[in-house]
Amino acid sequence: MPKHRPLVAMCEGKDCRKRCGFDKLHDELVKRCDVVDLGCVGICSGPVVVVRPTADEPLVFSKLRKKQHRRDLVAVAVSNSKPSRELRSHSVSGSKRKATLKKVRRQLPAA
């Protein structure tokens, strides 16, 4: 019986791809999660990741460039735990979050 893998969406826009840590973060997420590669979501301070994009309250994070950020993000995505204080400091909120989620929902594959 296949085990459920969590879903995350990751911006693959040009600015996010060139940021420090993008490849390592993408590789870590692919090992443990189903990753939806998105076109630019318009934040441009990446890497930008949306955890549980189909949930009622998805989590949106940006500037995830350090090893600690990768470790914390994977833990949140896989175990459904709350983000650490450090990871929460990289949460996207307000109008940027709303606009990002709108773009993400348009780009998600139909279920």
PDB file of N, CA and C in Angstrom:
ATOM      1  N   MET A   1       0.842  -1.167   0.000  1.00  0.00           N
ATOM      2  CA  MET A   1       0.000   0.000   0.000  1.00  0.00           C
ATOM      3  C   MET A   1       0.896   1.243   0.000  1.00  0.00           C
ATOM      4  N   PRO A   2       0.730   2.149  -0.987  1.00  0.00           N
ATOM      5  CA  PRO A   2       1.596   3.322  -1.051  1.00  0.00           C
ATOM      6  C   PRO A   2       1.299   4.301   0.084  1.00  0.00           C
ATOM      7  N   LYS A   3       2.352   4.857   0.619  1.00  0.00           N
ATOM      8  CA  LYS A   3       2.211   5.822   1.699  1.00  0.00           C
ATOM      9  C   LYS A   3       1.913   7.191   1.101  1.00  0.00           C
ATOM     10  N   HIS A   4       1.028   7.926   1.759  1.00  0.00           N
ATOM     11  CA  HIS A   4       0.671   9.268   1.312  1.00  0.00           C
ATOM     12  C   HIS A   4       1.887  10.186   1.425  1.00  0.00           C
ATOM     13  N   ARG A   5       2.155  10.895   0.344  1.00  0.00           N
ATOM     14  CA  ARG A   5       3.238  11.867   0.346  1.00  0.00           C
ATOM     15  C   ARG A   5       2.627  13.262   0.389  1.00  0.00           C
ATOM     16  N   PRO A   6       3.167  14.130   1.230  1.00  0.00           N
ATOM     17  CA  PRO A   6       2.629  15.487   1.306  1.00  0.00           C
ATOM     18  C   PRO A   6       2.871  16.248   0.003  1.00  0.00           C
ATOM     19  N   LEU A   7       2.008  17.216  -0.243  1.00  0.00           N
ATOM     20  CA  LEU A   7       2.103  18.028  -1.453  1.00  0.00           C
ATOM     21  C   LEU A   7       2.668  19.405  -1.105  1.00  0.00           C
ATOM     22  N   VAL A   8       3.672  19.817  -1.869  1.00  0.00           N
ATOM     23  CA  VAL A   8       4.207  21.173  -1.763  1.00  0.00           C
ATOM     24  C   VAL A   8       4.330  21.734  -3.173  1.00  0.00           C
ATOM     25  N   ALA A   9       4.243  23.045  -3.265  1.00  0.00           N
ATOM     26  CA  ALA A   9       4.416  23.726  -4.546  1.00  0.00           C
ATOM     27  C   ALA A   9       5.624  24.638  -4.416  1.00  0.00           C
ATOM     28  N   MET A  10       6.454  24.654  -5.449  1.00  0.00           N
ATOM     29  CA  MET A  10       7.677  25.437  -5.392  1.00  0.00           C
ATOM     30  C   MET A  10       7.797  26.282  -6.640  1.00  0.00           C
ATOM     31  N   CYS A  11       8.081  27.564  -6.441  1.00  0.00           N
ATOM     32  CA  CYS A  11       8.240  28.479  -7.562  1.00  0.00           C
ATOM     33  C   CYS A  11       9.496  28.110  -8.342  1.00  0.00           C
ATOM     34  N   GLU A  12       9.341  27.984  -9.656  1.00  0.00           N
ATOM     35  CA  GLU A  12      10.451  27.676 -10.546  1.00  0.00           C
ATOM     36  C   GLU A  12      10.773  28.868 -11.442  1.00  0.00           C
ATOM     37  N   GLY A  13      10.341  30.051 -11.025  1.00  0.00           N
ATOM     38  CA  GLY A  13      10.648  31.254 -11.785  1.00  0.00           C
ATOM     39  C   GLY A  13      12.146  31.503 -11.828  1.00  0.00           C
ATOM     40  N   LYS A  14      12.566  32.290 -12.794  1.00  0.00           N
ATOM     41  CA  LYS A  14      13.990  32.546 -13.015  1.00  0.00           C
ATOM     42  C   LYS A  14      14.677  33.106 -11.769  1.00  0.00           C
ATOM     43  N   ASP A  15      14.048  34.058 -11.092  1.00  0.00           N
ATOM     44  CA  ASP A  15      14.672  34.664  -9.914  1.00  0.00           C
ATOM     45  C   ASP A  15      14.784  33.670  -8.759  1.00  0.00           C
ATOM     46  N   CYS A  16      13.795  32.823  -8.576  1.00  0.00           N
ATOM     47  CA  CYS A  16      13.868  31.827  -7.499  1.00  0.00           C
ATOM     48  C   CYS A  16      14.926  30.773  -7.802  1.00  0.00           C
ATOM     49  N   ARG A  17      14.997  30.341  -9.057  1.00  0.00           N
ATOM     50  CA  ARG A  17      15.968  29.297  -9.433  1.00  0.00           C
ATOM     51  C   ARG A  17      17.403  29.737  -9.206  1.00  0.00           C
ATOM     52  N   LYS A  18      17.689  31.017  -9.392  1.00  0.00           N
ATOM     53  CA  LYS A  18      19.076  31.473  -9.266  1.00  0.00           C
ATOM     54  C   LYS A  18      19.472  31.771  -7.818  1.00  0.00           C
ATOM     55  N   ARG A  19      18.541  31.707  -6.895  1.00  0.00           N
ATOM     56  CA  ARG A  19      18.837  32.011  -5.493  1.00  0.00           C
ATOM     57  C   ARG A  19      19.628  30.890  -4.841  1.00  0.00           C
ATOM     58  N   CYS A  20      20.421  31.299  -3.873  1.00  0.00           N
ATOM     59  CA  CYS A  20      21.228  30.361  -3.101  1.00  0.00           C
ATOM     60  C   CYS A  20      20.325  29.326  -2.430  1.00  0.00           C
ATOM     61  N   GLY A  21      20.663  28.082  -2.563  1.00  0.00           N
ATOM     62  CA  GLY A  21      19.940  27.027  -1.877  1.00  0.00           C
ATOM     63  C   GLY A  21      18.759  26.449  -2.632  1.00  0.00           C
ATOM     64  N   PHE A  22      18.413  26.994  -3.804  1.00  0.00           N
ATOM     65  CA  PHE A  22      17.246  26.513  -4.534  1.00  0.00           C
ATOM     66  C   PHE A  22      17.364  25.028  -4.870  1.00  0.00           C
ATOM     67  N   ASP A  23      18.476  24.641  -5.487  1.00  0.00           N
ATOM     68  CA  ASP A  23      18.635  23.246  -5.914  1.00  0.00           C
ATOM     69  C   ASP A  23      18.616  22.282  -4.737  1.00  0.00           C
ATOM     70  N   LYS A  24      19.286  22.656  -3.650  1.00  0.00           N
ATOM     71  CA  LYS A  24      19.313  21.780  -2.474  1.00  0.00           C
ATOM     72  C   LYS A  24      17.919  21.643  -1.869  1.00  0.00           C
ATOM     73  N   LEU A  25      17.193  22.752  -1.791  1.00  0.00           N
ATOM     74  CA  LEU A  25      15.839  22.705  -1.249  1.00  0.00           C
ATOM     75  C   LEU A  25      14.935  21.849  -2.126  1.00  0.00           C
ATOM     76  N   HIS A  26      15.013  22.037  -3.426  1.00  0.00           N
ATOM     77  CA  HIS A  26      14.195  21.258  -4.362  1.00  0.00           C
ATOM     78  C   HIS A  26      14.500  19.771  -4.216  1.00  0.00           C
ATOM     79  N   ASP A  27      15.783  19.425  -4.146  1.00  0.00           N
ATOM     80  CA  ASP A  27      16.176  18.021  -4.009  1.00  0.00           C
ATOM     81  C   ASP A  27      15.660  17.414  -2.703  1.00  0.00           C
ATOM     82  N   GLU A  28      15.750  18.154  -1.607  1.00  0.00           N
ATOM     83  CA  GLU A  28      15.247  17.665  -0.318  1.00  0.00           C
ATOM     84  C   GLU A  28      13.742  17.435  -0.360  1.00  0.00           C
ATOM     85  N   LEU A  29      13.016  18.355  -0.969  1.00  0.00           N
ATOM     86  CA  LEU A  29      11.560  18.217  -1.036  1.00  0.00           C
ATOM     87  C   LEU A  29      11.150  17.044  -1.919  1.00  0.00           C
ATOM     88  N   VAL A  30      11.819  16.864  -3.048  1.00  0.00           N
ATOM     89  CA  VAL A  30      11.466  15.782  -3.968  1.00  0.00           C
ATOM     90  C   VAL A  30      11.656  14.415  -3.313  1.00  0.00           C
ATOM     91  N   LYS A  31      12.637  14.288  -2.428  1.00  0.00           N
ATOM     92  CA  LYS A  31      12.882  13.015  -1.733  1.00  0.00           C
ATOM     93  C   LYS A  31      11.701  12.604  -0.862  1.00  0.00           C
ATOM     94  N   ARG A  32      11.002  13.585  -0.277  1.00  0.00           N
ATOM     95  CA  ARG A  32       9.996  13.280   0.741  1.00  0.00           C
ATOM     96  C   ARG A  32       8.583  13.739   0.418  1.00  0.00           C
ATOM     97  N   CYS A  33       8.427  14.539  -0.626  1.00  0.00           N
ATOM     98  CA  CYS A  33       7.120  15.132  -0.926  1.00  0.00           C
ATOM     99  C   CYS A  33       6.823  15.042  -2.421  1.00  0.00           C
ATOM    100  N   ASP A  34       5.550  15.212  -2.757  1.00  0.00           N
ATOM    101  CA  ASP A  34       5.172  15.416  -4.143  1.00  0.00           C
ATOM    102  C   ASP A  34       5.301  16.908  -4.395  1.00  0.00           C
ATOM    103  N   VAL A  35       6.156  17.286  -5.335  1.00  0.00           N
ATOM    104  CA  VAL A  35       6.446  18.689  -5.582  1.00  0.00           C
ATOM    105  C   VAL A  35       5.807  19.112  -6.902  1.00  0.00           C
ATOM    106  N   VAL A  36       5.021  20.173  -6.843  1.00  0.00           N
ATOM    107  CA  VAL A  36       4.455  20.782  -8.041  1.00  0.00           C
ATOM    108  C   VAL A  36       5.342  21.965  -8.375  1.00  0.00           C
ATOM    109  N   ASP A  37       5.963  21.937  -9.546  1.00  0.00           N
ATOM    110  CA  ASP A  37       6.803  23.033  -9.985  1.00  0.00           C
ATOM    111  C   ASP A  37       5.920  24.096 -10.615  1.00  0.00           C
ATOM    112  N   LEU A  38       6.012  25.302 -10.082  1.00  0.00           N
ATOM    113  CA  LEU A  38       5.156  26.392 -10.523  1.00  0.00           C
ATOM    114  C   LEU A  38       5.927  27.381 -11.384  1.00  0.00           C
ATOM    115  N   GLY A  39       5.202  28.066 -12.251  1.00  0.00           N
ATOM    116  CA  GLY A  39       5.775  29.223 -12.915  1.00  0.00           C
ATOM    117  C   GLY A  39       5.925  30.312 -11.869  1.00  0.00           C
ATOM    118  N   CYS A  40       6.491  31.422 -12.251  1.00  0.00           N
ATOM    119  CA  CYS A  40       6.735  32.516 -11.306  1.00  0.00           C
ATOM    120  C   CYS A  40       5.452  32.877 -10.565  1.00  0.00           C
ATOM    121  N   VAL A  41       5.561  32.988  -9.233  1.00  0.00           N
ATOM    122  CA  VAL A  41       4.412  33.382  -8.421  1.00  0.00           C
ATOM    123  C   VAL A  41       4.463  34.859  -8.054  1.00  0.00           C
ATOM    124  N   GLY A  42       5.507  35.552  -8.468  1.00  0.00           N
ATOM    125  CA  GLY A  42       5.555  36.995  -8.354  1.00  0.00           C
ATOM    126  C   GLY A  42       6.138  37.578  -7.083  1.00  0.00           C
ATOM    127  N   ILE A  43       6.687  36.762  -6.198  1.00  0.00           N
ATOM    128  CA  ILE A  43       7.288  37.309  -4.989  1.00  0.00           C
ATOM    129  C   ILE A  43       8.751  37.682  -5.240  1.00  0.00           C
ATOM    130  N   CYS A  44       9.454  36.863  -5.975  1.00  0.00           N
ATOM    131  CA  CYS A  44      10.836  37.131  -6.399  1.00  0.00           C
ATOM    132  C   CYS A  44      11.793  37.372  -5.239  1.00  0.00           C
ATOM    133  N   SER A  45      11.586  36.703  -4.158  1.00  0.00           N
ATOM    134  CA  SER A  45      12.556  36.702  -3.057  1.00  0.00           C
ATOM    135  C   SER A  45      12.684  35.270  -2.577  1.00  0.00           C
ATOM    136  N   GLY A  46      12.987  34.413  -3.511  1.00  0.00           N
ATOM    137  CA  GLY A  46      12.905  32.995  -3.284  1.00  0.00           C
ATOM    138  C   GLY A  46      14.144  32.382  -2.689  1.00  0.00           C
ATOM    139  N   PRO A  47      14.103  31.083  -2.596  1.00  0.00           N
ATOM    140  CA  PRO A  47      13.055  30.203  -3.063  1.00  0.00           C
ATOM    141  C   PRO A  47      11.737  30.406  -2.306  1.00  0.00           C
ATOM    142  N   VAL A  48      10.642  30.251  -3.055  1.00  0.00           N
ATOM    143  CA  VAL A  48       9.293  30.382  -2.507  1.00  0.00           C
ATOM    144  C   VAL A  48       8.644  29.002  -2.534  1.00  0.00           C
ATOM    145  N   VAL A  49       8.083  28.584  -1.390  1.00  0.00           N
ATOM    146  CA  VAL A  49       7.450  27.273  -1.276  1.00  0.00           C
ATOM    147  C   VAL A  49       6.089  27.430  -0.610  1.00  0.00           C
ATOM    148  N   VAL A  50       5.101  26.691  -1.134  1.00  0.00           N
ATOM    149  CA  VAL A  50       3.772  26.649  -0.529  1.00  0.00           C
ATOM    150  C   VAL A  50       3.564  25.225  -0.019  1.00  0.00           C
ATOM    151  N   VAL A  51       3.400  25.104   1.293  1.00  0.00           N
ATOM    152  CA  VAL A  51       3.189  23.800   1.925  1.00  0.00           C
ATOM    153  C   VAL A  51       1.684  23.566   2.027  1.00  0.00           C
ATOM    154  N   ARG A  52       1.269  22.377   1.620  1.00  0.00           N
ATOM    155  CA  ARG A  52      -0.155  21.994   1.614  1.00  0.00           C
ATOM    156  C   ARG A  52      -0.994  22.989   0.798  1.00  0.00           C
ATOM    157  N   PRO A  53      -0.667  23.164  -0.485  1.00  0.00           N
ATOM    158  CA  PRO A  53      -1.346  24.177  -1.302  1.00  0.00           C
ATOM    159  C   PRO A  53      -2.836  23.951  -1.490  1.00  0.00           C
ATOM    160  N   THR A  54      -3.324  22.739  -1.287  1.00  0.00           N
ATOM    161  CA  THR A  54      -4.753  22.481  -1.467  1.00  0.00           C
ATOM    162  C   THR A  54      -5.526  22.557  -0.155  1.00  0.00           C
ATOM    163  N   ALA A  55      -4.847  22.797   0.949  1.00  0.00           N
ATOM    164  CA  ALA A  55      -5.507  22.885   2.258  1.00  0.00           C
ATOM    165  C   ALA A  55      -6.245  24.215   2.391  1.00  0.00           C
ATOM    166  N   ASP A  56      -7.072  24.303   3.424  1.00  0.00           N
ATOM    167  CA  ASP A  56      -7.794  25.543   3.687  1.00  0.00           C
ATOM    168  C   ASP A  56      -6.846  26.687   4.036  1.00  0.00           C
ATOM    169  N   GLU A  57      -5.793  26.382   4.754  1.00  0.00           N
ATOM    170  CA  GLU A  57      -4.818  27.397   5.165  1.00  0.00           C
ATOM    171  C   GLU A  57      -3.407  26.968   4.770  1.00  0.00           C
ATOM    172  N   PRO A  58      -3.066  27.079   3.481  1.00  0.00           N
ATOM    173  CA  PRO A  58      -1.713  26.712   3.065  1.00  0.00           C
ATOM    174  C   PRO A  58      -0.674  27.647   3.690  1.00  0.00           C
ATOM    175  N   LEU A  59       0.522  27.140   3.844  1.00  0.00           N
ATOM    176  CA  LEU A  59       1.625  27.918   4.394  1.00  0.00           C
ATOM    177  C   LEU A  59       2.512  28.387   3.246  1.00  0.00           C
ATOM    178  N   VAL A  60       2.834  29.669   3.221  1.00  0.00           N
ATOM    179  CA  VAL A  60       3.664  30.234   2.159  1.00  0.00           C
ATOM    180  C   VAL A  60       4.931  30.791   2.790  1.00  0.00           C
ATOM    181  N   PHE A  61       6.086  30.362   2.274  1.00  0.00           N
ATOM    182  CA  PHE A  61       7.371  30.797   2.789  1.00  0.00           C
ATOM    183  C   PHE A  61       8.247  31.308   1.657  1.00  0.00           C
ATOM    184  N   SER A  62       9.091  32.286   1.966  1.00  0.00           N
ATOM    185  CA  SER A  62      10.050  32.777   0.980  1.00  0.00           C
ATOM    186  C   SER A  62      11.416  32.951   1.640  1.00  0.00           C
ATOM    187  N   LYS A  63      12.416  33.169   0.813  1.00  0.00           N
ATOM    188  CA  LYS A  63      13.806  33.360   1.257  1.00  0.00           C
ATOM    189  C   LYS A  63      14.311  32.172   2.070  1.00  0.00           C
ATOM    190  N   LEU A  64      14.036  30.980   1.602  1.00  0.00           N
ATOM    191  CA  LEU A  64      14.459  29.759   2.298  1.00  0.00           C
ATOM    192  C   LEU A  64      15.819  29.335   1.762  1.00  0.00           C
ATOM    193  N   ARG A  65      16.865  29.953   2.269  1.00  0.00           N
ATOM    194  CA  ARG A  65      18.192  29.794   1.669  1.00  0.00           C
ATOM    195  C   ARG A  65      19.189  29.032   2.527  1.00  0.00           C
ATOM    196  N   LYS A  66      18.896  28.806   3.791  1.00  0.00           N
ATOM    197  CA  LYS A  66      19.851  28.160   4.693  1.00  0.00           C
ATOM    198  C   LYS A  66      19.489  26.699   4.922  1.00  0.00           C
ATOM    199  N   LYS A  67      20.489  25.953   5.366  1.00  0.00           N
ATOM    200  CA  LYS A  67      20.297  24.536   5.678  1.00  0.00           C
ATOM    201  C   LYS A  67      19.204  24.361   6.729  1.00  0.00           C
ATOM    202  N   GLN A  68      19.189  25.219   7.745  1.00  0.00           N
ATOM    203  CA  GLN A  68      18.172  25.149   8.802  1.00  0.00           C
ATOM    204  C   GLN A  68      16.769  25.371   8.221  1.00  0.00           C
ATOM    205  N   HIS A  69      16.642  26.273   7.262  1.00  0.00           N
ATOM    206  CA  HIS A  69      15.346  26.514   6.618  1.00  0.00           C
ATOM    207  C   HIS A  69      14.876  25.257   5.903  1.00  0.00           C
ATOM    208  N   ARG A  70      15.787  24.609   5.182  1.00  0.00           N
ATOM    209  CA  ARG A  70      15.423  23.376   4.463  1.00  0.00           C
ATOM    210  C   ARG A  70      14.964  22.306   5.434  1.00  0.00           C
ATOM    211  N   ARG A  71      15.720  22.125   6.491  1.00  0.00           N
ATOM    212  CA  ARG A  71      15.392  21.096   7.486  1.00  0.00           C
ATOM    213  C   ARG A  71      14.027  21.375   8.123  1.00  0.00           C
ATOM    214  N   ASP A  72      13.795  22.620   8.524  1.00  0.00           N
ATOM    215  CA  ASP A  72      12.521  22.986   9.151  1.00  0.00           C
ATOM    216  C   ASP A  72      11.352  22.834   8.187  1.00  0.00           C
ATOM    217  N   LEU A  73      11.544  23.250   6.943  1.00  0.00           N
ATOM    218  CA  LEU A  73      10.468  23.172   5.959  1.00  0.00           C
ATOM    219  C   LEU A  73      10.080  21.727   5.683  1.00  0.00           C
ATOM    220  N   VAL A  74      11.065  20.865   5.513  1.00  0.00           N
ATOM    221  CA  VAL A  74      10.771  19.453   5.274  1.00  0.00           C
ATOM    222  C   VAL A  74      10.028  18.858   6.467  1.00  0.00           C
ATOM    223  N   ALA A  75      10.433  19.207   7.674  1.00  0.00           N
ATOM    224  CA  ALA A  75       9.752  18.700   8.872  1.00  0.00           C
ATOM    225  C   ALA A  75       8.295  19.160   8.906  1.00  0.00           C
ATOM    226  N   VAL A  76       8.037  20.398   8.569  1.00  0.00           N
ATOM    227  CA  VAL A  76       6.667  20.916   8.555  1.00  0.00           C
ATOM    228  C   VAL A  76       5.844  20.210   7.485  1.00  0.00           C
ATOM    229  N   ALA A  77       6.414  20.044   6.311  1.00  0.00           N
ATOM    230  CA  ALA A  77       5.684  19.418   5.204  1.00  0.00           C
ATOM    231  C   ALA A  77       5.386  17.950   5.484  1.00  0.00           C
ATOM    232  N   VAL A  78       6.344  17.228   6.004  1.00  0.00           N
ATOM    233  CA  VAL A  78       6.202  15.783   6.196  1.00  0.00           C
ATOM    234  C   VAL A  78       5.384  15.435   7.436  1.00  0.00           C
ATOM    235  N   SER A  79       5.623  16.126   8.533  1.00  0.00           N
ATOM    236  CA  SER A  79       4.979  15.730   9.783  1.00  0.00           C
ATOM    237  C   SER A  79       3.766  16.571  10.140  1.00  0.00           C
ATOM    238  N   ASN A  80       3.452  17.550   9.301  1.00  0.00           N
ATOM    239  CA  ASN A  80       2.283  18.408   9.552  1.00  0.00           C
ATOM    240  C   ASN A  80       2.445  19.197  10.850  1.00  0.00           C
ATOM    241  N   SER A  81       3.692  19.409  11.264  1.00  0.00           N
ATOM    242  CA  SER A  81       3.946  20.137  12.508  1.00  0.00           C
ATOM    243  C   SER A  81       3.896  21.646  12.263  1.00  0.00           C
ATOM    244  N   LYS A  82       3.947  22.387  13.343  1.00  0.00           N
ATOM    245  CA  LYS A  82       3.952  23.843  13.235  1.00  0.00           C
ATOM    246  C   LYS A  82       5.361  24.311  12.868  1.00  0.00           C
ATOM    247  N   PRO A  83       5.453  25.408  12.122  1.00  0.00           N
ATOM    248  CA  PRO A  83       6.772  25.935  11.757  1.00  0.00           C
ATOM    249  C   PRO A  83       7.535  26.456  12.977  1.00  0.00           C
ATOM    250  N   SER A  84       8.838  26.327  12.934  1.00  0.00           N
ATOM    251  CA  SER A  84       9.691  26.877  13.980  1.00  0.00           C
ATOM    252  C   SER A  84       9.640  28.405  13.930  1.00  0.00           C
ATOM    253  N   ARG A  85      10.146  29.034  14.959  1.00  0.00           N
ATOM    254  CA  ARG A  85      10.182  30.495  14.993  1.00  0.00           C
ATOM    255  C   ARG A  85      10.971  31.039  13.794  1.00  0.00           C
ATOM    256  N   GLU A  86      12.101  30.418  13.516  1.00  0.00           N
ATOM    257  CA  GLU A  86      12.934  30.851  12.376  1.00  0.00           C
ATOM    258  C   GLU A  86      12.160  30.736  11.064  1.00  0.00           C
ATOM    259  N   LEU A  87      11.466  29.618  10.868  1.00  0.00           N
ATOM    260  CA  LEU A  87      10.707  29.432   9.632  1.00  0.00           C
ATOM    261  C   LEU A  87       9.518  30.389   9.564  1.00  0.00           C
ATOM    262  N   ARG A  88       8.864  30.621  10.675  1.00  0.00           N
ATOM    263  CA  ARG A  88       7.745  31.578  10.704  1.00  0.00           C
ATOM    264  C   ARG A  88       8.192  32.971  10.286  1.00  0.00           C
ATOM    265  N   SER A  89       9.448  33.305  10.581  1.00  0.00           N
ATOM    266  CA  SER A  89       9.952  34.627  10.196  1.00  0.00           C
ATOM    267  C   SER A  89      10.065  34.761   8.676  1.00  0.00           C
ATOM    268  N   HIS A  90       9.950  33.659   7.956  1.00  0.00           N
ATOM    269  CA  HIS A  90      10.004  33.668   6.496  1.00  0.00           C
ATOM    270  C   HIS A  90       8.622  33.452   5.868  1.00  0.00           C
ATOM    271  N   SER A  91       7.583  33.532   6.690  1.00  0.00           N
ATOM    272  CA  SER A  91       6.211  33.400   6.186  1.00  0.00           C
ATOM    273  C   SER A  91       5.843  34.611   5.348  1.00  0.00           C
ATOM    274  N   VAL A  92       5.082  34.353   4.316  1.00  0.00           N
ATOM    275  CA  VAL A  92       4.547  35.428   3.477  1.00  0.00           C
ATOM    276  C   VAL A  92       3.122  35.668   3.953  1.00  0.00           C
ATOM    277  N   SER A  93       2.762  36.938   4.142  1.00  0.00           N
ATOM    278  CA  SER A  93       1.424  37.253   4.632  1.00  0.00           C
ATOM    279  C   SER A  93       0.821  38.399   3.830  1.00  0.00           C
ATOM    280  N   GLY A  94      -0.401  38.716   4.164  1.00  0.00           N
ATOM    281  CA  GLY A  94      -1.081  39.862   3.555  1.00  0.00           C
ATOM    282  C   GLY A  94      -1.381  39.685   2.080  1.00  0.00           C
ATOM    283  N   SER A  95      -1.284  40.772   1.355  1.00  0.00           N
ATOM    284  CA  SER A  95      -1.656  40.766  -0.058  1.00  0.00           C
ATOM    285  C   SER A  95      -0.725  39.900  -0.901  1.00  0.00           C
ATOM    286  N   LYS A  96       0.556  39.809  -0.521  1.00  0.00           N
ATOM    287  CA  LYS A  96       1.489  38.956  -1.270  1.00  0.00           C
ATOM    288  C   LYS A  96       1.096  37.486  -1.131  1.00  0.00           C
ATOM    289  N   ARG A  97       0.685  37.088   0.075  1.00  0.00           N
ATOM    290  CA  ARG A  97       0.253  35.706   0.299  1.00  0.00           C
ATOM    291  C   ARG A  97      -0.996  35.415  -0.515  1.00  0.00           C
ATOM    292  N   LYS A  98      -1.951  36.322  -0.466  1.00  0.00           N
ATOM    293  CA  LYS A  98      -3.206  36.137  -1.186  1.00  0.00           C
ATOM    294  C   LYS A  98      -2.971  36.023  -2.694  1.00  0.00           C
ATOM    295  N   ALA A  99      -2.140  36.898  -3.237  1.00  0.00           N
ATOM    296  CA  ALA A  99      -1.837  36.861  -4.670  1.00  0.00           C
ATOM    297  C   ALA A  99      -1.079  35.589  -5.046  1.00  0.00           C
ATOM    298  N   THR A 100      -0.160  35.173  -4.180  1.00  0.00           N
ATOM    299  CA  THR A 100       0.596  33.945  -4.436  1.00  0.00           C
ATOM    300  C   THR A 100      -0.330  32.744  -4.459  1.00  0.00           C
ATOM    301  N   LEU A 101      -1.223  32.639  -3.482  1.00  0.00           N
ATOM    302  CA  LEU A 101      -2.138  31.494  -3.427  1.00  0.00           C
ATOM    303  C   LEU A 101      -3.076  31.474  -4.627  1.00  0.00           C
ATOM    304  N   LYS A 102      -3.489  32.622  -5.093  1.00  0.00           N
ATOM    305  CA  LYS A 102      -4.338  32.690  -6.279  1.00  0.00           C
ATOM    306  C   LYS A 102      -3.592  32.127  -7.492  1.00  0.00           C
ATOM    307  N   LYS A 103      -2.334  32.513  -7.643  1.00  0.00           N
ATOM    308  CA  LYS A 103      -1.528  32.006  -8.760  1.00  0.00           C
ATOM    309  C   LYS A 103      -1.262  30.510  -8.615  1.00  0.00           C
ATOM    310  N   VAL A 104      -1.000  30.079  -7.386  1.00  0.00           N
ATOM    311  CA  VAL A 104      -0.727  28.665  -7.146  1.00  0.00           C
ATOM    312  C   VAL A 104      -1.942  27.817  -7.500  1.00  0.00           C
ATOM    313  N   ARG A 105      -3.116  28.232  -7.077  1.00  0.00           N
ATOM    314  CA  ARG A 105      -4.343  27.453  -7.344  1.00  0.00           C
ATOM    315  C   ARG A 105      -4.613  27.354  -8.833  1.00  0.00           C
ATOM    316  N   ARG A 106      -4.284  28.396  -9.587  1.00  0.00           N
ATOM    317  CA  ARG A 106      -4.471  28.326 -11.041  1.00  0.00           C
ATOM    318  C   ARG A 106      -3.501  27.357 -11.689  1.00  0.00           C
ATOM    319  N   GLN A 107      -2.319  27.205 -11.088  1.00  0.00           N
ATOM    320  CA  GLN A 107      -1.276  26.376 -11.691  1.00  0.00           C
ATOM    321  C   GLN A 107      -1.279  24.921 -11.222  1.00  0.00           C
ATOM    322  N   LEU A 108      -2.023  24.623 -10.154  1.00  0.00           N
ATOM    323  CA  LEU A 108      -2.078  23.253  -9.670  1.00  0.00           C
ATOM    324  C   LEU A 108      -2.798  22.363 -10.685  1.00  0.00           C
ATOM    325  N   PRO A 109      -2.317  21.140 -10.844  1.00  0.00           N
ATOM    326  CA  PRO A 109      -3.022  20.219 -11.738  1.00  0.00           C
ATOM    327  C   PRO A 109      -4.410  19.921 -11.194  1.00  0.00           C
ATOM    328  N   ALA A 110      -5.360  19.750 -12.090  1.00  0.00           N
ATOM    329  CA  ALA A 110      -6.736  19.450 -11.693  1.00  0.00           C
ATOM    330  C   ALA A 110      -6.774  18.088 -10.996  1.00  0.00           C
ATOM    331  N   ALA A 111      -7.514  18.033  -9.908  1.00  0.00           N
ATOM    332  CA  ALA A 111      -7.605  16.770  -9.145  1.00  0.00           C
ATOM    333  C   ALA A 111      -8.654  15.868  -9.719  1.00  0.00           C
TER     334      ALA A 111
END
